[in-house]
Structure formats: C-alpha cells, structure tokens
Amino acid sequence: MTTDTTIVSTFDDKTIAGKAMKALRDEGFPEGDLKILQGGTEALVSELVKRGFDKDEARGLADAAEQGKTLLAALVSEDKADAAVAIMDGFEAAQAEGRDKGEQRSATSVPIVEEALVVGKAKFATGGVRATSRVAERPIEETVTLRDEHVSAEQRPADRELTAEEAEAAFEEKTVEVIGTTEEAKVSKEARVVGEVALNKTVDEREETVRDTVRKTDVKVEEVGTKAGKGK
C-alpha cells in the first residue's frame, strides 16, 4: 500500500509559487493535491501539524510565511515524492540564483554624477512712462454780430392821383403786417483731435557672461587582493 506525504516549499512570492504549481500539474500531479497555504501563524502551524509536520518544523514554516514567503504544499505518494521535490527544488534554486545576480549587479553599480549649468532669464521692471489723460476746463469767448429788427409806423402826407389798380382796391378793407425779428447766439461744441502723445518701447540686446562652478564625481577603480599584499 502506498502512503501519501506532504511536501512544502517556500518561495519569494506567489508568482514563483504559481509557476511551480503549474509545473507539478503538467507532470501529472492532481490540482486538488496542490495548495498555497495561507492564514495566520497559528492557523498555518495547525494545518502543517495535521499534514504530518512536528510543531517545530511547522512553526519554522509559519514564521517564513509571516516574513513574506509563500508556502506551496503538495500531497504526493511516496513513489512520486522525489519527482515533486526535484520540481519544487528547481524553482527554489532559480529564485535563489536571481537574488544572487541582483545583489551582484547592485554591488558593482557606482553612479557618476555631473552637474550642468542651466542659465535662464528673468524680467525685472527698470522704469517706464505713464501717460494719464485728464479733462481740464478753461474759459473761452467768441464775438458774434447779431441783428435786431424794429418795426415802426409813420404817417406821411401825400397828394397824388390813384393808379387804376389803387383806385379799384381803394375802398376794400385790408390788413398789412410787418414782423420784426431778433437774433440770439446759439452755442454748440465740436471735439477735434489737436495732438497725440505716443508711447514707444525700444529693445536693446546685450550679452552677459555667467560664471559659476559645477560638480562632478570621479570614480577611481583600483585592484585589491592578495597580489597587493604579496608586494609588501
């Protein structure tokens, strides 16, 4: 009779654990026997103990999960245990190699920093001209000739014969009116442009040399090790 056993591996994150689970499924391990263990520390310890681990081993794995590791459990038969271990160990080795390469790359990176001088321009007021329009009044006079008409009646003695026209209308009633008129000064105003004040601005360009200091880091590389020690 074949006995089943639980194999648990720790991975840096769920992505790598998921890849390992897929590899196990591809090799014929049932998906129902594969599980990513989750939960609090005590819950993980309890589940691991139920799967056959002693409390110290269960506590160590639960602490790893508490520190951010992902636990992948596989329930396998004893005759397939070695195959499952090989698959899971392969992913553990791959993630360990990736960490080592990352550490090596970061250890050998020394930045070289150099400042660049950036010159900009800012505008400041240096003075100007302001033109303000105000309304001022001044007295003015003009002389104009006006005409007044006066009407008067004067009776003069006369002794002459009537003309035919006068004789025909001599005894008709009639009224004759003569109207006298007078003139008054009428004032109106007309605005005209008699001058202008123009505001002009000219632009002169000049060159100015800006001097400052910039910083740059220099990296000196020298060999260290046993060869240098042997030379002493």
C-alpha atoms as a PDB file:
ATOM      1  CA  MET A   1       0.000   0.000   0.000  1.00  0.00           C
ATOM      2  CA  THR A   2       1.346   3.413  -0.985  1.00  0.00           C
ATOM      3  CA  THR A   3       1.485   6.115   1.699  1.00  0.00           C
ATOM      4  CA  ASP A   4       0.877   9.775   0.880  1.00  0.00           C
ATOM      5  CA  THR A   5       3.148  12.503   2.220  1.00  0.00           C
ATOM      6  CA  THR A   6       3.095  16.302   2.147  1.00  0.00           C
ATOM      7  CA  ILE A   7       5.986  18.269   0.676  1.00  0.00           C
ATOM      8  CA  VAL A   8       6.177  22.029   1.445  1.00  0.00           C
ATOM      9  CA  SER A   9       8.456  24.508  -0.296  1.00  0.00           C
ATOM     10  CA  THR A  10       8.906  28.244   0.398  1.00  0.00           C
ATOM     11  CA  PHE A  11       9.036  30.822  -2.411  1.00  0.00           C
ATOM     12  CA  ASP A  12       9.701  34.545  -2.501  1.00  0.00           C
ATOM     13  CA  ASP A  13       6.264  35.392  -3.892  1.00  0.00           C
ATOM     14  CA  LYS A  14       3.057  33.901  -5.224  1.00  0.00           C
ATOM     15  CA  THR A  15       4.185  34.280  -8.843  1.00  0.00           C
ATOM     16  CA  ILE A  16       7.037  31.799  -8.458  1.00  0.00           C
ATOM     17  CA  ALA A  17       4.862  29.501  -6.339  1.00  0.00           C
ATOM     18  CA  GLY A  18       2.204  29.586  -9.078  1.00  0.00           C
ATOM     19  CA  LYS A  19       4.799  28.615 -11.705  1.00  0.00           C
ATOM     20  CA  ALA A  20       5.930  25.696  -9.547  1.00  0.00           C
ATOM     21  CA  MET A  21       2.310  24.584  -9.086  1.00  0.00           C
ATOM     22  CA  LYS A  22       1.764  24.696 -12.863  1.00  0.00           C
ATOM     23  CA  ALA A  23       4.902  22.607 -13.413  1.00  0.00           C
ATOM     24  CA  LEU A  24       3.610  19.991 -10.959  1.00  0.00           C
ATOM     25  CA  ARG A  25       0.237  19.871 -12.728  1.00  0.00           C
ATOM     26  CA  ASP A  26       1.997  19.479 -16.070  1.00  0.00           C
ATOM     27  CA  GLU A  27       3.832  16.468 -14.659  1.00  0.00           C
ATOM     28  CA  GLY A  28       0.552  14.796 -13.721  1.00  0.00           C
ATOM     29  CA  PHE A  29       0.118  15.783 -10.084  1.00  0.00           C
ATOM     30  CA  PRO A  30      -3.606  16.383  -9.398  1.00  0.00           C
ATOM     31  CA  GLU A  31      -4.561  20.040  -8.892  1.00  0.00           C
ATOM     32  CA  GLY A  32      -6.637  19.092  -5.850  1.00  0.00           C
ATOM     33  CA  ASP A  33      -3.473  17.855  -4.092  1.00  0.00           C
ATOM     34  CA  LEU A  34      -1.644  21.173  -4.626  1.00  0.00           C
ATOM     35  CA  LYS A  35      -2.317  24.171  -2.377  1.00  0.00           C
ATOM     36  CA  ILE A  36      -0.795  27.519  -1.481  1.00  0.00           C
ATOM     37  CA  LEU A  37      -1.051  27.713   2.292  1.00  0.00           C
ATOM     38  CA  GLN A  38      -2.417  30.972   3.689  1.00  0.00           C
ATOM     39  CA  GLY A  39      -3.565  32.303   7.037  1.00  0.00           C
ATOM     40  CA  GLY A  40      -2.203  33.444  10.368  1.00  0.00           C
ATOM     41  CA  THR A  41       0.752  31.879  12.102  1.00  0.00           C
ATOM     42  CA  GLU A  42      -1.252  29.668  14.432  1.00  0.00           C
ATOM     43  CA  ALA A  43      -3.590  28.559  11.645  1.00  0.00           C
ATOM     44  CA  LEU A  44      -0.616  27.560   9.490  1.00  0.00           C
ATOM     45  CA  VAL A  45       1.029  25.707  12.366  1.00  0.00           C
ATOM     46  CA  SER A  46      -2.188  23.773  12.974  1.00  0.00           C
ATOM     47  CA  GLU A  47      -2.594  22.822   9.304  1.00  0.00           C
ATOM     48  CA  LEU A  48       1.058  21.774   8.938  1.00  0.00           C
ATOM     49  CA  VAL A  49       0.831  19.595  12.049  1.00  0.00           C
ATOM     50  CA  LYS A  50      -2.248  17.911  10.554  1.00  0.00           C
ATOM     51  CA  ARG A  51      -0.197  17.250   7.410  1.00  0.00           C
ATOM     52  CA  GLY A  52       2.416  15.330   9.458  1.00  0.00           C
ATOM     53  CA  PHE A  53       4.975  18.008  10.443  1.00  0.00           C
ATOM     54  CA  ASP A  54       6.107  18.303  14.057  1.00  0.00           C
ATOM     55  CA  LYS A  55       5.436  21.592  15.835  1.00  0.00           C
ATOM     56  CA  ASP A  56       8.997  22.955  15.468  1.00  0.00           C
ATOM     57  CA  GLU A  57       9.015  22.348  11.713  1.00  0.00           C
ATOM     58  CA  ALA A  58       5.501  23.774  11.400  1.00  0.00           C
ATOM     59  CA  ARG A  59       6.484  26.842  13.433  1.00  0.00           C
ATOM     60  CA  GLY A  60       9.544  27.474  11.241  1.00  0.00           C
ATOM     61  CA  LEU A  61       7.478  27.331   8.041  1.00  0.00           C
ATOM     62  CA  ALA A  62       4.757  29.556   9.530  1.00  0.00           C
ATOM     63  CA  ASP A  63       7.389  32.122  10.569  1.00  0.00           C
ATOM     64  CA  ALA A  64       8.708  32.143   6.997  1.00  0.00           C
ATOM     65  CA  ALA A  65       5.182  32.881   5.748  1.00  0.00           C
ATOM     66  CA  GLU A  66       4.879  35.664   8.325  1.00  0.00           C
ATOM     67  CA  GLN A  67       8.044  37.227   6.844  1.00  0.00           C
ATOM     68  CA  GLY A  68       6.506  37.322   3.358  1.00  0.00           C
ATOM     69  CA  LYS A  69       7.317  33.901   1.933  1.00  0.00           C
ATOM     70  CA  THR A  70       4.722  31.830   0.046  1.00  0.00           C
ATOM     71  CA  LEU A  71       4.210  28.208   1.121  1.00  0.00           C
ATOM     72  CA  LEU A  72       3.317  25.642  -1.546  1.00  0.00           C
ATOM     73  CA  ALA A  73       2.126  22.253  -0.257  1.00  0.00           C
ATOM     74  CA  ALA A  74       1.898  19.141  -2.437  1.00  0.00           C
ATOM     75  CA  LEU A  75       0.258  15.917  -1.236  1.00  0.00           C
ATOM     76  CA  VAL A  76       2.030  13.127  -3.156  1.00  0.00           C
ATOM     77  CA  SER A  77       2.548   9.429  -2.928  1.00  0.00           C
ATOM     78  CA  GLU A  78       5.913   8.182  -1.695  1.00  0.00           C
ATOM     79  CA  ASP A  79       6.864   6.792  -5.117  1.00  0.00           C
ATOM     80  CA  LYS A  80       6.411  10.283  -6.662  1.00  0.00           C
ATOM     81  CA  ALA A  81       7.859  12.288  -3.808  1.00  0.00           C
ATOM     82  CA  ASP A  82      11.328  12.542  -5.350  1.00  0.00           C
ATOM     83  CA  ALA A  83       9.894  13.875  -8.630  1.00  0.00           C
ATOM     84  CA  ALA A  84       7.832  16.501  -6.798  1.00  0.00           C
ATOM     85  CA  VAL A  85      10.838  17.529  -4.689  1.00  0.00           C
ATOM     86  CA  ALA A  86      13.001  17.890  -7.799  1.00  0.00           C
ATOM     87  CA  ILE A  87      10.467  20.187  -9.483  1.00  0.00           C
ATOM     88  CA  MET A  88       9.993  22.373  -6.416  1.00  0.00           C
ATOM     89  CA  ASP A  89      13.746  22.487  -5.687  1.00  0.00           C
ATOM     90  CA  GLY A  90      14.338  23.653  -9.269  1.00  0.00           C
ATOM     91  CA  PHE A  91      12.164  26.735  -8.754  1.00  0.00           C
ATOM     92  CA  GLU A  92      13.740  27.423  -5.357  1.00  0.00           C
ATOM     93  CA  ALA A  93      17.210  27.285  -6.938  1.00  0.00           C
ATOM     94  CA  ALA A  94      16.137  29.570  -9.785  1.00  0.00           C
ATOM     95  CA  GLN A  95      14.825  32.254  -7.416  1.00  0.00           C
ATOM     96  CA  ALA A  96      17.984  31.991  -5.283  1.00  0.00           C
ATOM     97  CA  GLU A  97      20.140  32.472  -8.387  1.00  0.00           C
ATOM     98  CA  GLY A  98      18.061  35.507  -9.353  1.00  0.00           C
ATOM     99  CA  ARG A  99      18.630  37.057  -5.907  1.00  0.00           C
ATOM    100  CA  ASP A 100      22.382  36.486  -6.184  1.00  0.00           C
ATOM    101  CA  LYS A 101      22.552  38.129  -9.617  1.00  0.00           C
ATOM    102  CA  GLY A 102      20.540  41.102  -8.355  1.00  0.00           C
ATOM    103  CA  GLU A 103      22.890  41.529  -5.401  1.00  0.00           C
ATOM    104  CA  GLN A 104      25.959  41.348  -7.654  1.00  0.00           C
ATOM    105  CA  ARG A 105      24.577  43.935 -10.061  1.00  0.00           C
ATOM    106  CA  SER A 106      23.674  46.347  -7.293  1.00  0.00           C
ATOM    107  CA  ALA A 107      27.071  45.883  -5.604  1.00  0.00           C
ATOM    108  CA  THR A 108      29.014  46.856  -8.743  1.00  0.00           C
ATOM    109  CA  SER A 109      26.947  49.923  -9.630  1.00  0.00           C
ATOM    110  CA  VAL A 110      28.682  53.216  -8.791  1.00  0.00           C
ATOM    111  CA  PRO A 111      26.922  56.294 -10.197  1.00  0.00           C
ATOM    112  CA  ILE A 112      28.912  59.100 -11.802  1.00  0.00           C
ATOM    113  CA  VAL A 113      27.131  62.371 -11.214  1.00  0.00           C
ATOM    114  CA  GLU A 114      27.834  65.600 -13.059  1.00  0.00           C
ATOM    115  CA  GLU A 115      26.118  68.958 -12.673  1.00  0.00           C
ATOM    116  CA  ALA A 116      25.180  71.026 -15.711  1.00  0.00           C
ATOM    117  CA  LEU A 117      24.920  74.797 -15.676  1.00  0.00           C
ATOM    118  CA  VAL A 118      21.443  75.917 -16.717  1.00  0.00           C
ATOM    119  CA  VAL A 119      21.093  79.632 -17.411  1.00  0.00           C
ATOM    120  CA  GLY A 120      17.630  81.123 -17.596  1.00  0.00           C
ATOM    121  CA  LYS A 121      16.271  84.635 -17.875  1.00  0.00           C
ATOM    122  CA  ALA A 122      14.049  86.643 -15.542  1.00  0.00           C
ATOM    123  CA  LYS A 123      12.412  90.002 -16.232  1.00  0.00           C
ATOM    124  CA  PHE A 124      12.575  92.913 -13.781  1.00  0.00           C
ATOM    125  CA  ALA A 125      10.996  96.364 -14.091  1.00  0.00           C
ATOM    126  CA  THR A 126      13.583  99.125 -14.668  1.00  0.00           C
ATOM    127  CA  GLY A 127      11.247 102.110 -15.093  1.00  0.00           C
ATOM    128  CA  GLY A 128       8.792 103.325 -17.659  1.00  0.00           C
ATOM    129  CA  VAL A 129       6.483 106.089 -18.811  1.00  0.00           C
ATOM    130  CA  ARG A 130       2.895 106.580 -17.747  1.00  0.00           C
ATOM    131  CA  ALA A 131       0.519 108.789 -19.753  1.00  0.00           C
ATOM    132  CA  THR A 132      -2.635 109.901 -17.947  1.00  0.00           C
ATOM    133  CA  SER A 133      -5.459 111.697 -19.724  1.00  0.00           C
ATOM    134  CA  ARG A 134      -7.338 114.287 -17.666  1.00  0.00           C
ATOM    135  CA  VAL A 135     -10.118 116.729 -18.541  1.00  0.00           C
ATOM    136  CA  ALA A 136      -9.376 120.397 -17.899  1.00  0.00           C
ATOM    137  CA  GLU A 137     -11.738 123.313 -18.460  1.00  0.00           C
ATOM    138  CA  ARG A 138     -10.802 126.862 -19.467  1.00  0.00           C
ATOM    139  CA  PRO A 139     -12.979 129.855 -20.212  1.00  0.00           C
ATOM    140  CA  ILE A 140     -13.220 130.980 -23.831  1.00  0.00           C
ATOM    141  CA  GLU A 141     -15.185 133.721 -25.588  1.00  0.00           C
ATOM    142  CA  GLU A 142     -16.117 134.487 -29.169  1.00  0.00           C
ATOM    143  CA  THR A 143     -17.689 137.668 -30.592  1.00  0.00           C
ATOM    144  CA  VAL A 144     -20.598 137.318 -32.987  1.00  0.00           C
ATOM    145  CA  THR A 145     -22.700 140.050 -34.672  1.00  0.00           C
ATOM    146  CA  LEU A 146     -26.420 139.747 -34.026  1.00  0.00           C
ATOM    147  CA  ARG A 147     -29.194 141.722 -35.735  1.00  0.00           C
ATOM    148  CA  ASP A 148     -32.346 143.077 -34.184  1.00  0.00           C
ATOM    149  CA  GLU A 149     -35.234 144.331 -36.377  1.00  0.00           C
ATOM    150  CA  HIS A 150     -37.523 147.108 -35.147  1.00  0.00           C
ATOM    151  CA  VAL A 151     -40.924 147.818 -36.754  1.00  0.00           C
ATOM    152  CA  SER A 152     -42.464 151.324 -36.690  1.00  0.00           C
ATOM    153  CA  ALA A 153     -45.389 153.009 -38.408  1.00  0.00           C
ATOM    154  CA  GLU A 154     -45.104 156.508 -39.857  1.00  0.00           C
ATOM    155  CA  GLN A 155     -47.881 158.508 -41.497  1.00  0.00           C
ATOM    156  CA  ARG A 156     -46.736 160.889 -44.230  1.00  0.00           C
ATOM    157  CA  PRO A 157     -48.790 163.482 -46.136  1.00  0.00           C
ATOM    158  CA  ALA A 158     -49.371 162.729 -49.838  1.00  0.00           C
ATOM    159  CA  ASP A 159     -51.258 164.375 -52.751  1.00  0.00           C
ATOM    160  CA  ARG A 160     -51.349 162.301 -55.927  1.00  0.00           C
ATOM    161  CA  GLU A 161     -53.849 160.567 -58.141  1.00  0.00           C
ATOM    162  CA  LEU A 162     -54.615 156.913 -57.613  1.00  0.00           C
ATOM    163  CA  THR A 163     -53.478 154.468 -60.156  1.00  0.00           C
ATOM    164  CA  ALA A 164     -56.054 152.225 -61.754  1.00  0.00           C
ATOM    165  CA  GLU A 165     -55.095 149.330 -59.500  1.00  0.00           C
ATOM    166  CA  GLU A 166     -55.122 151.547 -56.420  1.00  0.00           C
ATOM    167  CA  ALA A 167     -58.497 153.033 -57.393  1.00  0.00           C
ATOM    168  CA  GLU A 168     -60.008 149.563 -57.813  1.00  0.00           C
ATOM    169  CA  ALA A 169     -58.913 148.436 -54.342  1.00  0.00           C
ATOM    170  CA  ALA A 170     -59.006 151.785 -52.625  1.00  0.00           C
ATOM    171  CA  PHE A 171     -62.090 151.134 -50.567  1.00  0.00           C
ATOM    172  CA  GLU A 172     -61.504 147.493 -49.718  1.00  0.00           C
ATOM    173  CA  GLU A 173     -60.624 146.526 -46.151  1.00  0.00           C
ATOM    174  CA  LYS A 174     -57.149 145.017 -45.756  1.00  0.00           C
ATOM    175  CA  THR A 175     -54.530 144.387 -43.150  1.00  0.00           C
ATOM    176  CA  VAL A 176     -50.796 144.784 -43.668  1.00  0.00           C
ATOM    177  CA  GLU A 177     -48.343 143.271 -41.174  1.00  0.00           C
ATOM    178  CA  VAL A 178     -44.607 143.759 -40.909  1.00  0.00           C
ATOM    179  CA  ILE A 179     -42.833 141.422 -38.443  1.00  0.00           C
ATOM    180  CA  GLY A 180     -39.648 142.437 -36.700  1.00  0.00           C
ATOM    181  CA  THR A 181     -37.065 139.729 -35.783  1.00  0.00           C
ATOM    182  CA  THR A 182     -34.110 139.467 -33.422  1.00  0.00           C
ATOM    183  CA  GLU A 183     -31.093 137.118 -33.406  1.00  0.00           C
ATOM    184  CA  GLU A 184     -29.692 135.233 -30.408  1.00  0.00           C
ATOM    185  CA  ALA A 185     -26.331 133.477 -30.103  1.00  0.00           C
ATOM    186  CA  LYS A 186     -26.600 129.681 -30.389  1.00  0.00           C
ATOM    187  CA  VAL A 187     -23.671 127.757 -28.863  1.00  0.00           C
ATOM    188  CA  SER A 188     -22.579 124.232 -29.874  1.00  0.00           C
ATOM    189  CA  LYS A 189     -19.328 122.330 -29.348  1.00  0.00           C
ATOM    190  CA  GLU A 190     -17.304 120.164 -31.717  1.00  0.00           C
ATOM    191  CA  ALA A 191     -14.442 117.954 -30.461  1.00  0.00           C
ATOM    192  CA  ARG A 192     -11.375 117.677 -32.679  1.00  0.00           C
ATOM    193  CA  VAL A 193      -8.039 115.882 -32.279  1.00  0.00           C
ATOM    194  CA  VAL A 194      -5.383 118.576 -31.961  1.00  0.00           C
ATOM    195  CA  GLY A 195      -2.460 116.402 -30.853  1.00  0.00           C
ATOM    196  CA  GLU A 196      -1.302 112.934 -29.767  1.00  0.00           C
ATOM    197  CA  VAL A 197       1.095 111.506 -27.199  1.00  0.00           C
ATOM    198  CA  ALA A 198       2.749 108.311 -28.479  1.00  0.00           C
ATOM    199  CA  LEU A 199       4.306 105.779 -26.079  1.00  0.00           C
ATOM    200  CA  ASN A 200       7.059 103.746 -27.709  1.00  0.00           C
ATOM    201  CA  LYS A 201       9.352 101.000 -26.384  1.00  0.00           C
ATOM    202  CA  THR A 202      12.662 100.032 -27.939  1.00  0.00           C
ATOM    203  CA  VAL A 203      14.536  96.806 -27.176  1.00  0.00           C
ATOM    204  CA  ASP A 204      18.313  96.613 -26.901  1.00  0.00           C
ATOM    205  CA  GLU A 205      20.078  93.271 -26.624  1.00  0.00           C
ATOM    206  CA  ARG A 206      23.264  92.709 -24.662  1.00  0.00           C
ATOM    207  CA  GLU A 207      25.388  89.693 -23.893  1.00  0.00           C
ATOM    208  CA  GLU A 208      26.290  88.775 -20.340  1.00  0.00           C
ATOM    209  CA  THR A 209      28.655  86.015 -19.299  1.00  0.00           C
ATOM    210  CA  VAL A 210      27.529  83.968 -16.317  1.00  0.00           C
ATOM    211  CA  ARG A 211      30.223  82.235 -14.309  1.00  0.00           C
ATOM    212  CA  ASP A 212      29.669  79.565 -11.666  1.00  0.00           C
ATOM    213  CA  THR A 213      31.040  76.190 -10.606  1.00  0.00           C
ATOM    214  CA  VAL A 214      29.605  72.737 -11.282  1.00  0.00           C
ATOM    215  CA  ARG A 215      30.407  69.495  -9.536  1.00  0.00           C
ATOM    216  CA  LYS A 216      31.245  66.077 -10.917  1.00  0.00           C
ATOM    217  CA  THR A 217      32.013  62.825  -9.157  1.00  0.00           C
ATOM    218  CA  ASP A 218      35.039  60.868 -10.341  1.00  0.00           C
ATOM    219  CA  VAL A 219      35.225  57.140  -9.679  1.00  0.00           C
ATOM    220  CA  LYS A 220      38.713  55.690  -9.168  1.00  0.00           C
ATOM    221  CA  VAL A 221      38.937  51.960  -9.732  1.00  0.00           C
ATOM    222  CA  GLU A 222      41.889  50.026  -8.291  1.00  0.00           C
ATOM    223  CA  GLU A 223      42.546  46.378  -7.755  1.00  0.00           C
ATOM    224  CA  VAL A 224      42.672  44.996  -4.229  1.00  0.00           C
ATOM    225  CA  GLY A 225      43.507  41.494  -3.040  1.00  0.00           C
ATOM    226  CA  THR A 226      46.330  39.087  -2.358  1.00  0.00           C
ATOM    227  CA  LYS A 227      48.597  40.374  -5.129  1.00  0.00           C
ATOM    228  CA  ALA A 228      48.880  43.746  -3.465  1.00  0.00           C
ATOM    229  CA  GLY A 229      49.616  42.063  -0.141  1.00  0.00           C
ATOM    230  CA  LYS A 230      52.461  39.991  -1.599  1.00  0.00           C
ATOM    231  CA  GLY A 231      54.218  43.119  -2.796  1.00  0.00           C
ATOM    232  CA  LYS A 232      54.823  44.417   0.709  1.00  0.00           C
END
